[in-house]
Amino acid sequence: MQLWTPHADVQNSAQKVTTLRAVGQIVDPIAQTSAFVENLGIAVRQLREKQGWSQEQLADRSGLNRSYVGEVERGRVVASVVTAHKLAQAFEVSLVELFSRCENIEQLRRKPQQHVVAA
């Protein structure tokens, strides 16, 4: 019978992380969350501007505080699902559509920049 030791678990975990990093499968959850928060802000701002609304108008339509809407748009706060739902309702889109916009923004951000050279 082998005894459990915390050192063995830490060592095994470190080896697994190293292996995952080597094959490019490890993800930084904090970076992912930060990117999603920024992308949500971009999506909210794009939808608001598409409607021609001010932050104040969006705040009124969603039942949120204007300064909080600004914080969401700047990616400074992690909006709850309830807040995201209120924003989606204000724009008359589904929560799925709002989150899909975030994914689309992320995909565009990951694409390599193509530079056009004037002839």
PDB file of N, CA and C in Angstrom:
ATOM      1  N   MET A   1       0.839  -1.180   0.000  1.00  0.00           N
ATOM      2  CA  MET A   1       0.000   0.000   0.000  1.00  0.00           C
ATOM      3  C   MET A   1       0.884   1.244   0.000  1.00  0.00           C
ATOM      4  N   GLN A   2       0.561   2.163  -0.899  1.00  0.00           N
ATOM      5  CA  GLN A   2       1.351   3.378  -1.017  1.00  0.00           C
ATOM      6  C   GLN A   2       0.664   4.508  -0.264  1.00  0.00           C
ATOM      7  N   LEU A   3       1.428   5.232   0.525  1.00  0.00           N
ATOM      8  CA  LEU A   3       0.880   6.347   1.282  1.00  0.00           C
ATOM      9  C   LEU A   3       0.813   7.592   0.409  1.00  0.00           C
ATOM     10  N   TRP A   4      -0.229   8.369   0.617  1.00  0.00           N
ATOM     11  CA  TRP A   4      -0.398   9.625  -0.104  1.00  0.00           C
ATOM     12  C   TRP A   4       0.465  10.691   0.533  1.00  0.00           C
ATOM     13  N   THR A   5       1.140  11.441  -0.283  1.00  0.00           N
ATOM     14  CA  THR A   5       1.908  12.579   0.225  1.00  0.00           C
ATOM     15  C   THR A   5       1.577  13.797  -0.630  1.00  0.00           C
ATOM     16  N   PRO A   6       1.432  14.942  -0.009  1.00  0.00           N
ATOM     17  CA  PRO A   6       1.124  16.141  -0.780  1.00  0.00           C
ATOM     18  C   PRO A   6       2.202  16.454  -1.813  1.00  0.00           C
ATOM     19  N   HIS A   7       3.456  16.156  -1.458  1.00  0.00           N
ATOM     20  CA  HIS A   7       4.559  16.447  -2.373  1.00  0.00           C
ATOM     21  C   HIS A   7       4.392  15.677  -3.687  1.00  0.00           C
ATOM     22  N   ALA A   8       3.966  14.429  -3.597  1.00  0.00           N
ATOM     23  CA  ALA A   8       3.779  13.615  -4.801  1.00  0.00           C
ATOM     24  C   ALA A   8       2.688  14.207  -5.687  1.00  0.00           C
ATOM     25  N   ASP A   9       1.602  14.658  -5.074  1.00  0.00           N
ATOM     26  CA  ASP A   9       0.516  15.267  -5.851  1.00  0.00           C
ATOM     27  C   ASP A   9       0.971  16.554  -6.538  1.00  0.00           C
ATOM     28  N   VAL A  10       1.712  17.363  -5.815  1.00  0.00           N
ATOM     29  CA  VAL A  10       2.211  18.617  -6.383  1.00  0.00           C
ATOM     30  C   VAL A  10       3.148  18.319  -7.540  1.00  0.00           C
ATOM     31  N   GLN A  11       4.012  17.342  -7.355  1.00  0.00           N
ATOM     32  CA  GLN A  11       4.959  16.981  -8.401  1.00  0.00           C
ATOM     33  C   GLN A  11       4.218  16.447  -9.634  1.00  0.00           C
ATOM     34  N   ASN A  12       3.225  15.573  -9.425  1.00  0.00           N
ATOM     35  CA  ASN A  12       2.440  15.042 -10.540  1.00  0.00           C
ATOM     36  C   ASN A  12       1.689  16.156 -11.258  1.00  0.00           C
ATOM     37  N   SER A  13       1.104  17.069 -10.505  1.00  0.00           N
ATOM     38  CA  SER A  13       0.374  18.186 -11.107  1.00  0.00           C
ATOM     39  C   SER A  13       1.307  19.067 -11.924  1.00  0.00           C
ATOM     40  N   ALA A  14       2.480  19.333 -11.391  1.00  0.00           N
ATOM     41  CA  ALA A  14       3.455  20.161 -12.105  1.00  0.00           C
ATOM     42  C   ALA A  14       3.871  19.494 -13.410  1.00  0.00           C
ATOM     43  N   GLN A  15       4.049  18.172 -13.383  1.00  0.00           N
ATOM     44  CA  GLN A  15       4.412  17.447 -14.606  1.00  0.00           C
ATOM     45  C   GLN A  15       3.284  17.522 -15.629  1.00  0.00           C
ATOM     46  N   LYS A  16       2.043  17.394 -15.171  1.00  0.00           N
ATOM     47  CA  LYS A  16       0.897  17.465 -16.082  1.00  0.00           C
ATOM     48  C   LYS A  16       0.797  18.852 -16.714  1.00  0.00           C
ATOM     49  N   VAL A  17       0.974  19.888 -15.912  1.00  0.00           N
ATOM     50  CA  VAL A  17       0.910  21.257 -16.425  1.00  0.00           C
ATOM     51  C   VAL A  17       2.012  21.483 -17.449  1.00  0.00           C
ATOM     52  N   THR A  18       3.224  21.008 -17.148  1.00  0.00           N
ATOM     53  CA  THR A  18       4.338  21.155 -18.080  1.00  0.00           C
ATOM     54  C   THR A  18       4.033  20.453 -19.392  1.00  0.00           C
ATOM     55  N   THR A  19       3.471  19.255 -19.318  1.00  0.00           N
ATOM     56  CA  THR A  19       3.110  18.507 -20.520  1.00  0.00           C
ATOM     57  C   THR A  19       2.043  19.245 -21.316  1.00  0.00           C
ATOM     58  N   LEU A  20       1.018  19.733 -20.642  1.00  0.00           N
ATOM     59  CA  LEU A  20      -0.046  20.459 -21.331  1.00  0.00           C
ATOM     60  C   LEU A  20       0.480  21.729 -21.982  1.00  0.00           C
ATOM     61  N   ARG A  21       1.382  22.429 -21.291  1.00  0.00           N
ATOM     62  CA  ARG A  21       1.972  23.639 -21.876  1.00  0.00           C
ATOM     63  C   ARG A  21       2.748  23.291 -23.139  1.00  0.00           C
ATOM     64  N   ALA A  22       3.467  22.173 -23.092  1.00  0.00           N
ATOM     65  CA  ALA A  22       4.295  21.771 -24.227  1.00  0.00           C
ATOM     66  C   ALA A  22       3.460  21.496 -25.470  1.00  0.00           C
ATOM     67  N   VAL A  23       2.265  20.965 -25.291  1.00  0.00           N
ATOM     68  CA  VAL A  23       1.416  20.665 -26.449  1.00  0.00           C
ATOM     69  C   VAL A  23       0.384  21.758 -26.700  1.00  0.00           C
ATOM     70  N   GLY A  24       0.482  22.856 -25.986  1.00  0.00           N
ATOM     71  CA  GLY A  24      -0.392  24.000 -26.231  1.00  0.00           C
ATOM     72  C   GLY A  24      -1.822  23.813 -25.785  1.00  0.00           C
ATOM     73  N   GLN A  25      -2.058  22.972 -24.788  1.00  0.00           N
ATOM     74  CA  GLN A  25      -3.420  22.710 -24.348  1.00  0.00           C
ATOM     75  C   GLN A  25      -3.785  23.383 -23.037  1.00  0.00           C
ATOM     76  N   ILE A  26      -2.861  24.075 -22.429  1.00  0.00           N
ATOM     77  CA  ILE A  26      -3.188  24.713 -21.153  1.00  0.00           C
ATOM     78  C   ILE A  26      -3.736  26.112 -21.426  1.00  0.00           C
ATOM     79  N   VAL A  27      -4.720  26.481 -20.659  1.00  0.00           N
ATOM     80  CA  VAL A  27      -5.384  27.758 -20.851  1.00  0.00           C
ATOM     81  C   VAL A  27      -5.304  28.542 -19.552  1.00  0.00           C
ATOM     82  N   ASP A  28      -5.135  29.823 -19.680  1.00  0.00           N
ATOM     83  CA  ASP A  28      -5.102  30.690 -18.509  1.00  0.00           C
ATOM     84  C   ASP A  28      -6.517  31.205 -18.265  1.00  0.00           C
ATOM     85  N   PRO A  29      -7.208  30.694 -17.222  1.00  0.00           N
ATOM     86  CA  PRO A  29      -8.595  31.104 -17.000  1.00  0.00           C
ATOM     87  C   PRO A  29      -8.745  32.588 -16.699  1.00  0.00           C
ATOM     88  N   ILE A  30      -7.755  33.188 -16.075  1.00  0.00           N
ATOM     89  CA  ILE A  30      -7.845  34.618 -15.768  1.00  0.00           C
ATOM     90  C   ILE A  30      -7.774  35.430 -17.058  1.00  0.00           C
ATOM     91  N   ALA A  31      -6.870  35.046 -17.951  1.00  0.00           N
ATOM     92  CA  ALA A  31      -6.766  35.747 -19.237  1.00  0.00           C
ATOM     93  C   ALA A  31      -8.036  35.558 -20.054  1.00  0.00           C
ATOM     94  N   GLN A  32      -8.609  34.356 -20.010  1.00  0.00           N
ATOM     95  CA  GLN A  32      -9.853  34.106 -20.745  1.00  0.00           C
ATOM     96  C   GLN A  32     -10.984  34.966 -20.200  1.00  0.00           C
ATOM     97  N   THR A  33     -11.086  35.052 -18.886  1.00  0.00           N
ATOM     98  CA  THR A  33     -12.137  35.864 -18.272  1.00  0.00           C
ATOM     99  C   THR A  33     -11.949  37.324 -18.640  1.00  0.00           C
ATOM    100  N   SER A  34     -10.723  37.791 -18.567  1.00  0.00           N
ATOM    101  CA  SER A  34     -10.433  39.182 -18.898  1.00  0.00           C
ATOM    102  C   SER A  34     -10.800  39.483 -20.350  1.00  0.00           C
ATOM    103  N   ALA A  35     -10.461  38.574 -21.253  1.00  0.00           N
ATOM    104  CA  ALA A  35     -10.796  38.765 -22.669  1.00  0.00           C
ATOM    105  C   ALA A  35     -12.306  38.780 -22.862  1.00  0.00           C
ATOM    106  N   PHE A  36     -13.019  37.886 -22.176  1.00  0.00           N
ATOM    107  CA  PHE A  36     -14.472  37.846 -22.323  1.00  0.00           C
ATOM    108  C   PHE A  36     -15.099  39.138 -21.808  1.00  0.00           C
ATOM    109  N   VAL A  37     -14.615  39.630 -20.682  1.00  0.00           N
ATOM    110  CA  VAL A  37     -15.141  40.876 -20.107  1.00  0.00           C
ATOM    111  C   VAL A  37     -14.922  42.033 -21.087  1.00  0.00           C
ATOM    112  N   GLU A  38     -13.734  42.100 -21.681  1.00  0.00           N
ATOM    113  CA  GLU A  38     -13.451  43.147 -22.672  1.00  0.00           C
ATOM    114  C   GLU A  38     -14.349  42.993 -23.896  1.00  0.00           C
ATOM    115  N   ASN A  39     -14.505  41.756 -24.367  1.00  0.00           N
ATOM    116  CA  ASN A  39     -15.326  41.506 -25.556  1.00  0.00           C
ATOM    117  C   ASN A  39     -16.793  41.828 -25.303  1.00  0.00           C
ATOM    118  N   LEU A  40     -17.282  41.538 -24.102  1.00  0.00           N
ATOM    119  CA  LEU A  40     -18.658  41.889 -23.760  1.00  0.00           C
ATOM    120  C   LEU A  40     -18.826  43.403 -23.814  1.00  0.00           C
ATOM    121  N   GLY A  41     -17.854  44.115 -23.283  1.00  0.00           N
ATOM    122  CA  GLY A  41     -17.904  45.576 -23.327  1.00  0.00           C
ATOM    123  C   GLY A  41     -17.936  46.109 -24.744  1.00  0.00           C
ATOM    124  N   ILE A  42     -17.115  45.527 -25.605  1.00  0.00           N
ATOM    125  CA  ILE A  42     -17.095  45.947 -27.010  1.00  0.00           C
ATOM    126  C   ILE A  42     -18.443  45.664 -27.660  1.00  0.00           C
ATOM    127  N   ALA A  43     -18.989  44.473 -27.397  1.00  0.00           N
ATOM    128  CA  ALA A  43     -20.286  44.096 -27.981  1.00  0.00           C
ATOM    129  C   ALA A  43     -21.392  45.040 -27.518  1.00  0.00           C
ATOM    130  N   VAL A  44     -21.402  45.365 -26.235  1.00  0.00           N
ATOM    131  CA  VAL A  44     -22.429  46.265 -25.692  1.00  0.00           C
ATOM    132  C   VAL A  44     -22.297  47.646 -26.331  1.00  0.00           C
ATOM    133  N   ARG A  45     -21.081  48.142 -26.420  1.00  0.00           N
ATOM    134  CA  ARG A  45     -20.876  49.465 -27.030  1.00  0.00           C
ATOM    135  C   ARG A  45     -21.306  49.464 -28.499  1.00  0.00           C
ATOM    136  N   GLN A  46     -20.940  48.404 -29.236  1.00  0.00           N
ATOM    137  CA  GLN A  46     -21.334  48.329 -30.650  1.00  0.00           C
ATOM    138  C   GLN A  46     -22.852  48.326 -30.802  1.00  0.00           C
ATOM    139  N   LEU A  47     -23.524  47.524 -29.989  1.00  0.00           N
ATOM    140  CA  LEU A  47     -24.985  47.464 -30.069  1.00  0.00           C
ATOM    141  C   LEU A  47     -25.616  48.801 -29.688  1.00  0.00           C
ATOM    142  N   ARG A  48     -25.074  49.439 -28.660  1.00  0.00           N
ATOM    143  CA  ARG A  48     -25.606  50.739 -28.225  1.00  0.00           C
ATOM    144  C   ARG A  48     -25.437  51.784 -29.326  1.00  0.00           C
ATOM    145  N   GLU A  49     -24.253  51.827 -29.903  1.00  0.00           N
ATOM    146  CA  GLU A  49     -23.998  52.809 -30.961  1.00  0.00           C
ATOM    147  C   GLU A  49     -24.837  52.518 -32.205  1.00  0.00           C
ATOM    148  N   LYS A  50     -25.047  51.238 -32.491  1.00  0.00           N
ATOM    149  CA  LYS A  50     -25.894  50.855 -33.631  1.00  0.00           C
ATOM    150  C   LYS A  50     -27.318  51.383 -33.448  1.00  0.00           C
ATOM    151  N   GLN A  51     -27.788  51.392 -32.197  1.00  0.00           N
ATOM    152  CA  GLN A  51     -29.125  51.911 -31.895  1.00  0.00           C
ATOM    153  C   GLN A  51     -29.149  53.439 -31.850  1.00  0.00           C
ATOM    154  N   GLY A  52     -27.963  54.042 -31.771  1.00  0.00           N
ATOM    155  CA  GLY A  52     -27.894  55.498 -31.661  1.00  0.00           C
ATOM    156  C   GLY A  52     -28.213  55.990 -30.259  1.00  0.00           C
ATOM    157  N   TRP A  53     -28.007  55.129 -29.267  1.00  0.00           N
ATOM    158  CA  TRP A  53     -28.327  55.469 -27.884  1.00  0.00           C
ATOM    159  C   TRP A  53     -27.105  55.993 -27.148  1.00  0.00           C
ATOM    160  N   SER A  54     -27.349  56.831 -26.167  1.00  0.00           N
ATOM    161  CA  SER A  54     -26.312  57.233 -25.218  1.00  0.00           C
ATOM    162  C   SER A  54     -26.237  56.153 -24.136  1.00  0.00           C
ATOM    163  N   GLN A  55     -25.208  56.224 -23.319  1.00  0.00           N
ATOM    164  CA  GLN A  55     -25.125  55.295 -22.186  1.00  0.00           C
ATOM    165  C   GLN A  55     -26.311  55.498 -21.250  1.00  0.00           C
ATOM    166  N   GLU A  56     -26.730  56.741 -21.105  1.00  0.00           N
ATOM    167  CA  GLU A  56     -27.881  57.057 -20.247  1.00  0.00           C
ATOM    168  C   GLU A  56     -29.145  56.369 -20.767  1.00  0.00           C
ATOM    169  N   GLN A  57     -29.349  56.414 -22.080  1.00  0.00           N
ATOM    170  CA  GLN A  57     -30.529  55.767 -22.664  1.00  0.00           C
ATOM    171  C   GLN A  57     -30.479  54.255 -22.478  1.00  0.00           C
ATOM    172  N   LEU A  58     -29.301  53.668 -22.670  1.00  0.00           N
ATOM    173  CA  LEU A  58     -29.168  52.225 -22.450  1.00  0.00           C
ATOM    174  C   LEU A  58     -29.419  51.890 -20.987  1.00  0.00           C
ATOM    175  N   ALA A  59     -28.901  52.707 -20.096  1.00  0.00           N
ATOM    176  CA  ALA A  59     -29.116  52.488 -18.663  1.00  0.00           C
ATOM    177  C   ALA A  59     -30.604  52.515 -18.335  1.00  0.00           C
ATOM    178  N   ASP A  60     -31.324  53.489 -18.871  1.00  0.00           N
ATOM    179  CA  ASP A  60     -32.771  53.583 -18.633  1.00  0.00           C
ATOM    180  C   ASP A  60     -33.501  52.358 -19.164  1.00  0.00           C
ATOM    181  N   ARG A  61     -33.144  51.920 -20.359  1.00  0.00           N
ATOM    182  CA  ARG A  61     -33.826  50.781 -20.984  1.00  0.00           C
ATOM    183  C   ARG A  61     -33.507  49.453 -20.296  1.00  0.00           C
ATOM    184  N   SER A  62     -32.330  49.372 -19.673  1.00  0.00           N
ATOM    185  CA  SER A  62     -31.916  48.114 -19.039  1.00  0.00           C
ATOM    186  C   SER A  62     -32.127  48.098 -17.528  1.00  0.00           C
ATOM    187  N   GLY A  63     -32.446  49.253 -16.954  1.00  0.00           N
ATOM    188  CA  GLY A  63     -32.619  49.320 -15.505  1.00  0.00           C
ATOM    189  C   GLY A  63     -31.303  49.312 -14.747  1.00  0.00           C
ATOM    190  N   LEU A  64     -30.237  49.740 -15.421  1.00  0.00           N
ATOM    191  CA  LEU A  64     -28.916  49.784 -14.794  1.00  0.00           C
ATOM    192  C   LEU A  64     -28.487  51.232 -14.596  1.00  0.00           C
ATOM    193  N   ASN A  65     -27.476  51.429 -13.797  1.00  0.00           N
ATOM    194  CA  ASN A  65     -26.904  52.748 -13.563  1.00  0.00           C
ATOM    195  C   ASN A  65     -26.030  53.140 -14.755  1.00  0.00           C
ATOM    196  N   ARG A  66     -26.070  54.402 -15.172  1.00  0.00           N
ATOM    197  CA  ARG A  66     -25.295  54.843 -16.326  1.00  0.00           C
ATOM    198  C   ARG A  66     -23.801  54.609 -16.148  1.00  0.00           C
ATOM    199  N   SER A  67     -23.289  54.904 -14.971  1.00  0.00           N
ATOM    200  CA  SER A  67     -21.848  54.718 -14.761  1.00  0.00           C
ATOM    201  C   SER A  67     -21.471  53.238 -14.817  1.00  0.00           C
ATOM    202  N   TYR A  68     -22.393  52.367 -14.378  1.00  0.00           N
ATOM    203  CA  TYR A  68     -22.129  50.926 -14.450  1.00  0.00           C
ATOM    204  C   TYR A  68     -22.090  50.465 -15.908  1.00  0.00           C
ATOM    205  N   VAL A  69     -22.989  50.999 -16.734  1.00  0.00           N
ATOM    206  CA  VAL A  69     -22.985  50.678 -18.167  1.00  0.00           C
ATOM    207  C   VAL A  69     -21.629  51.067 -18.761  1.00  0.00           C
ATOM    208  N   GLY A  70     -21.123  52.229 -18.388  1.00  0.00           N
ATOM    209  CA  GLY A  70     -19.809  52.671 -18.854  1.00  0.00           C
ATOM    210  C   GLY A  70     -18.697  51.733 -18.422  1.00  0.00           C
ATOM    211  N   GLU A  71     -18.778  51.268 -17.187  1.00  0.00           N
ATOM    212  CA  GLU A  71     -17.776  50.326 -16.678  1.00  0.00           C
ATOM    213  C   GLU A  71     -17.822  49.008 -17.457  1.00  0.00           C
ATOM    214  N   VAL A  72     -19.027  48.543 -17.768  1.00  0.00           N
ATOM    215  CA  VAL A  72     -19.178  47.315 -18.563  1.00  0.00           C
ATOM    216  C   VAL A  72     -18.544  47.528 -19.933  1.00  0.00           C
ATOM    217  N   GLU A  73     -18.867  48.645 -20.572  1.00  0.00           N
ATOM    218  CA  GLU A  73     -18.339  48.928 -21.910  1.00  0.00           C
ATOM    219  C   GLU A  73     -16.819  49.018 -21.925  1.00  0.00           C
ATOM    220  N   ARG A  74     -16.231  49.506 -20.862  1.00  0.00           N
ATOM    221  CA  ARG A  74     -14.772  49.618 -20.790  1.00  0.00           C
ATOM    222  C   ARG A  74     -14.111  48.326 -20.327  1.00  0.00           C
ATOM    223  N   GLY A  75     -14.902  47.313 -20.003  1.00  0.00           N
ATOM    224  CA  GLY A  75     -14.338  46.043 -19.554  1.00  0.00           C
ATOM    225  C   GLY A  75     -13.729  46.118 -18.172  1.00  0.00           C
ATOM    226  N   ARG A  76     -14.261  47.005 -17.344  1.00  0.00           N
ATOM    227  CA  ARG A  76     -13.709  47.202 -15.995  1.00  0.00           C
ATOM    228  C   ARG A  76     -14.434  46.405 -14.928  1.00  0.00           C
ATOM    229  N   VAL A  77     -15.608  45.869 -15.262  1.00  0.00           N
ATOM    230  CA  VAL A  77     -16.367  45.070 -14.296  1.00  0.00           C
ATOM    231  C   VAL A  77     -16.795  43.766 -14.957  1.00  0.00           C
ATOM    232  N   VAL A  78     -16.925  42.746 -14.137  1.00  0.00           N
ATOM    233  CA  VAL A  78     -17.428  41.462 -14.613  1.00  0.00           C
ATOM    234  C   VAL A  78     -18.936  41.483 -14.412  1.00  0.00           C
ATOM    235  N   ALA A  79     -19.654  41.636 -15.512  1.00  0.00           N
ATOM    236  CA  ALA A  79     -21.118  41.700 -15.438  1.00  0.00           C
ATOM    237  C   ALA A  79     -21.669  40.320 -15.102  1.00  0.00           C
ATOM    238  N   SER A  80     -22.664  40.297 -14.240  1.00  0.00           N
ATOM    239  CA  SER A  80     -23.321  39.027 -13.917  1.00  0.00           C
ATOM    240  C   SER A  80     -24.178  38.592 -15.097  1.00  0.00           C
ATOM    241  N   VAL A  81     -24.624  37.360 -15.060  1.00  0.00           N
ATOM    242  CA  VAL A  81     -25.521  36.860 -16.105  1.00  0.00           C
ATOM    243  C   VAL A  81     -26.813  37.664 -16.086  1.00  0.00           C
ATOM    244  N   VAL A  82     -27.270  38.054 -14.907  1.00  0.00           N
ATOM    245  CA  VAL A  82     -28.494  38.855 -14.791  1.00  0.00           C
ATOM    246  C   VAL A  82     -28.299  40.202 -15.493  1.00  0.00           C
ATOM    247  N   THR A  83     -27.157  40.834 -15.274  1.00  0.00           N
ATOM    248  CA  THR A  83     -26.865  42.111 -15.926  1.00  0.00           C
ATOM    249  C   THR A  83     -26.784  41.940 -17.439  1.00  0.00           C
ATOM    250  N   ALA A  84     -26.091  40.899 -17.886  1.00  0.00           N
ATOM    251  CA  ALA A  84     -25.989  40.635 -19.326  1.00  0.00           C
ATOM    252  C   ALA A  84     -27.377  40.406 -19.923  1.00  0.00           C
ATOM    253  N   HIS A  85     -28.234  39.719 -19.173  1.00  0.00           N
ATOM    254  CA  HIS A  85     -29.602  39.468 -19.645  1.00  0.00           C
ATOM    255  C   HIS A  85     -30.380  40.780 -19.761  1.00  0.00           C
ATOM    256  N   LYS A  86     -30.223  41.665 -18.785  1.00  0.00           N
ATOM    257  CA  LYS A  86     -30.894  42.972 -18.843  1.00  0.00           C
ATOM    258  C   LYS A  86     -30.431  43.767 -20.063  1.00  0.00           C
ATOM    259  N   LEU A  87     -29.138  43.721 -20.331  1.00  0.00           N
ATOM    260  CA  LEU A  87     -28.605  44.428 -21.494  1.00  0.00           C
ATOM    261  C   LEU A  87     -29.146  43.818 -22.789  1.00  0.00           C
ATOM    262  N   ALA A  88     -29.151  42.498 -22.857  1.00  0.00           N
ATOM    263  CA  ALA A  88     -29.675  41.817 -24.050  1.00  0.00           C
ATOM    264  C   ALA A  88     -31.138  42.184 -24.280  1.00  0.00           C
ATOM    265  N   GLN A  89     -31.923  42.205 -23.202  1.00  0.00           N
ATOM    266  CA  GLN A  89     -33.337  42.577 -23.331  1.00  0.00           C
ATOM    267  C   GLN A  89     -33.489  44.008 -23.831  1.00  0.00           C
ATOM    268  N   ALA A  90     -32.650  44.901 -23.348  1.00  0.00           N
ATOM    269  CA  ALA A  90     -32.717  46.295 -23.795  1.00  0.00           C
ATOM    270  C   ALA A  90     -32.465  46.389 -25.303  1.00  0.00           C
ATOM    271  N   PHE A  91     -31.558  45.556 -25.802  1.00  0.00           N
ATOM    272  CA  PHE A  91     -31.246  45.552 -27.234  1.00  0.00           C
ATOM    273  C   PHE A  91     -32.199  44.673 -28.045  1.00  0.00           C
ATOM    274  N   GLU A  92     -33.089  43.984 -27.342  1.00  0.00           N
ATOM    275  CA  GLU A  92     -34.023  43.047 -27.966  1.00  0.00           C
ATOM    276  C   GLU A  92     -33.295  41.951 -28.741  1.00  0.00           C
ATOM    277  N   VAL A  93     -32.240  41.423 -28.100  1.00  0.00           N
ATOM    278  CA  VAL A  93     -31.525  40.260 -28.620  1.00  0.00           C
ATOM    279  C   VAL A  93     -31.494  39.218 -27.509  1.00  0.00           C
ATOM    280  N   SER A  94     -31.249  37.980 -27.883  1.00  0.00           N
ATOM    281  CA  SER A  94     -31.151  36.933 -26.864  1.00  0.00           C
ATOM    282  C   SER A  94     -29.782  37.009 -26.188  1.00  0.00           C
ATOM    283  N   LEU A  95     -29.711  36.421 -25.023  1.00  0.00           N
ATOM    284  CA  LEU A  95     -28.438  36.340 -24.309  1.00  0.00           C
ATOM    285  C   LEU A  95     -27.438  35.549 -25.150  1.00  0.00           C
ATOM    286  N   VAL A  96     -27.925  34.521 -25.825  1.00  0.00           N
ATOM    287  CA  VAL A  96     -27.068  33.716 -26.703  1.00  0.00           C
ATOM    288  C   VAL A  96     -26.471  34.596 -27.806  1.00  0.00           C
ATOM    289  N   GLU A  97     -27.296  35.464 -28.388  1.00  0.00           N
ATOM    290  CA  GLU A  97     -26.799  36.348 -29.450  1.00  0.00           C
ATOM    291  C   GLU A  97     -25.758  37.325 -28.908  1.00  0.00           C
ATOM    292  N   LEU A  98     -25.994  37.854 -27.722  1.00  0.00           N
ATOM    293  CA  LEU A  98     -25.030  38.773 -27.117  1.00  0.00           C
ATOM    294  C   LEU A  98     -23.698  38.063 -26.878  1.00  0.00           C
ATOM    295  N   PHE A  99     -23.757  36.857 -26.318  1.00  0.00           N
ATOM    296  CA  PHE A  99     -22.529  36.106 -26.057  1.00  0.00           C
ATOM    297  C   PHE A  99     -21.865  35.656 -27.359  1.00  0.00           C
ATOM    298  N   SER A 100     -22.660  35.368 -28.388  1.00  0.00           N
ATOM    299  CA  SER A 100     -22.093  35.007 -29.696  1.00  0.00           C
ATOM    300  C   SER A 100     -21.296  36.173 -30.270  1.00  0.00           C
ATOM    301  N   ARG A 101     -21.794  37.380 -30.052  1.00  0.00           N
ATOM    302  CA  ARG A 101     -21.058  38.566 -30.508  1.00  0.00           C
ATOM    303  C   ARG A 101     -19.699  38.634 -29.822  1.00  0.00           C
ATOM    304  N   CYS A 102     -19.662  38.264 -28.550  1.00  0.00           N
ATOM    305  CA  CYS A 102     -18.390  38.257 -27.814  1.00  0.00           C
ATOM    306  C   CYS A 102     -17.416  37.267 -28.448  1.00  0.00           C
ATOM    307  N   GLU A 103     -17.917  36.097 -28.814  1.00  0.00           N
ATOM    308  CA  GLU A 103     -17.086  35.087 -29.466  1.00  0.00           C
ATOM    309  C   GLU A 103     -16.578  35.589 -30.811  1.00  0.00           C
ATOM    310  N   ASN A 104     -17.453  36.226 -31.585  1.00  0.00           N
ATOM    311  CA  ASN A 104     -17.048  36.761 -32.892  1.00  0.00           C
ATOM    312  C   ASN A 104     -15.959  37.815 -32.740  1.00  0.00           C
ATOM    313  N   ILE A 105     -16.107  38.663 -31.739  1.00  0.00           N
ATOM    314  CA  ILE A 105     -15.095  39.691 -31.473  1.00  0.00           C
ATOM    315  C   ILE A 105     -13.771  39.031 -31.125  1.00  0.00           C
ATOM    316  N   GLU A 106     -13.821  37.988 -30.296  1.00  0.00           N
ATOM    317  CA  GLU A 106     -12.597  37.274 -29.909  1.00  0.00           C
ATOM    318  C   GLU A 106     -11.924  36.662 -31.135  1.00  0.00           C
ATOM    319  N   GLN A 107     -12.699  36.070 -32.015  1.00  0.00           N
ATOM    320  CA  GLN A 107     -12.125  35.469 -33.226  1.00  0.00           C
ATOM    321  C   GLN A 107     -11.461  36.530 -34.098  1.00  0.00           C
ATOM    322  N   LEU A 108     -12.090  37.687 -34.216  1.00  0.00           N
ATOM    323  CA  LEU A 108     -11.490  38.770 -34.999  1.00  0.00           C
ATOM    324  C   LEU A 108     -10.197  39.268 -34.363  1.00  0.00           C
ATOM    325  N   ARG A 109     -10.170  39.303 -33.033  1.00  0.00           N
ATOM    326  CA  ARG A 109      -8.970  39.769 -32.334  1.00  0.00           C
ATOM    327  C   ARG A 109      -7.819  38.789 -32.500  1.00  0.00           C
ATOM    328  N   ARG A 110      -8.132  37.510 -32.642  1.00  0.00           N
ATOM    329  CA  ARG A 110      -7.087  36.486 -32.777  1.00  0.00           C
ATOM    330  C   ARG A 110      -6.520  36.394 -34.187  1.00  0.00           C
ATOM    331  N   LYS A 111      -7.273  36.865 -35.188  1.00  0.00           N
ATOM    332  CA  LYS A 111      -6.792  36.802 -36.568  1.00  0.00           C
ATOM    333  C   LYS A 111      -5.553  37.668 -36.702  1.00  0.00           C
ATOM    334  N   PRO A 112      -4.578  37.164 -37.447  1.00  0.00           N
ATOM    335  CA  PRO A 112      -3.390  37.998 -37.666  1.00  0.00           C
ATOM    336  C   PRO A 112      -3.765  39.241 -38.468  1.00  0.00           C
ATOM    337  N   GLN A 113      -3.175  40.335 -38.092  1.00  0.00           N
ATOM    338  CA  GLN A 113      -3.441  41.596 -38.784  1.00  0.00           C
ATOM    339  C   GLN A 113      -2.864  41.528 -40.191  1.00  0.00           C
ATOM    340  N   GLN A 114      -3.677  41.888 -41.177  1.00  0.00           N
ATOM    341  CA  GLN A 114      -3.207  41.937 -42.554  1.00  0.00           C
ATOM    342  C   GLN A 114      -2.974  43.397 -42.916  1.00  0.00           C
ATOM    343  N   HIS A 115      -1.806  43.663 -43.401  1.00  0.00           N
ATOM    344  CA  HIS A 115      -1.452  45.032 -43.758  1.00  0.00           C
ATOM    345  C   HIS A 115      -1.554  45.199 -45.268  1.00  0.00           C
ATOM    346  N   VAL A 116      -2.224  46.245 -45.679  1.00  0.00           N
ATOM    347  CA  VAL A 116      -2.361  46.544 -47.098  1.00  0.00           C
ATOM    348  C   VAL A 116      -1.337  47.614 -47.443  1.00  0.00           C
ATOM    349  N   VAL A 117      -0.565  47.335 -48.459  1.00  0.00           N
ATOM    350  CA  VAL A 117       0.450  48.292 -48.893  1.00  0.00           C
ATOM    351  C   VAL A 117      -0.088  49.013 -50.117  1.00  0.00           C
ATOM    352  N   ALA A 118      -0.123  50.324 -50.037  1.00  0.00           N
ATOM    353  CA  ALA A 118      -0.615  51.128 -51.165  1.00  0.00           C
ATOM    354  C   ALA A 118       0.373  51.041 -52.317  1.00  0.00           C
ATOM    355  N   ALA A 119      -0.155  50.889 -53.522  1.00  0.00           N
ATOM    356  CA  ALA A 119       0.712  50.778 -54.708  1.00  0.00           C
ATOM    357  C   ALA A 119       1.028  52.136 -55.285  1.00  0.00           C
TER     358      ALA A 119
END
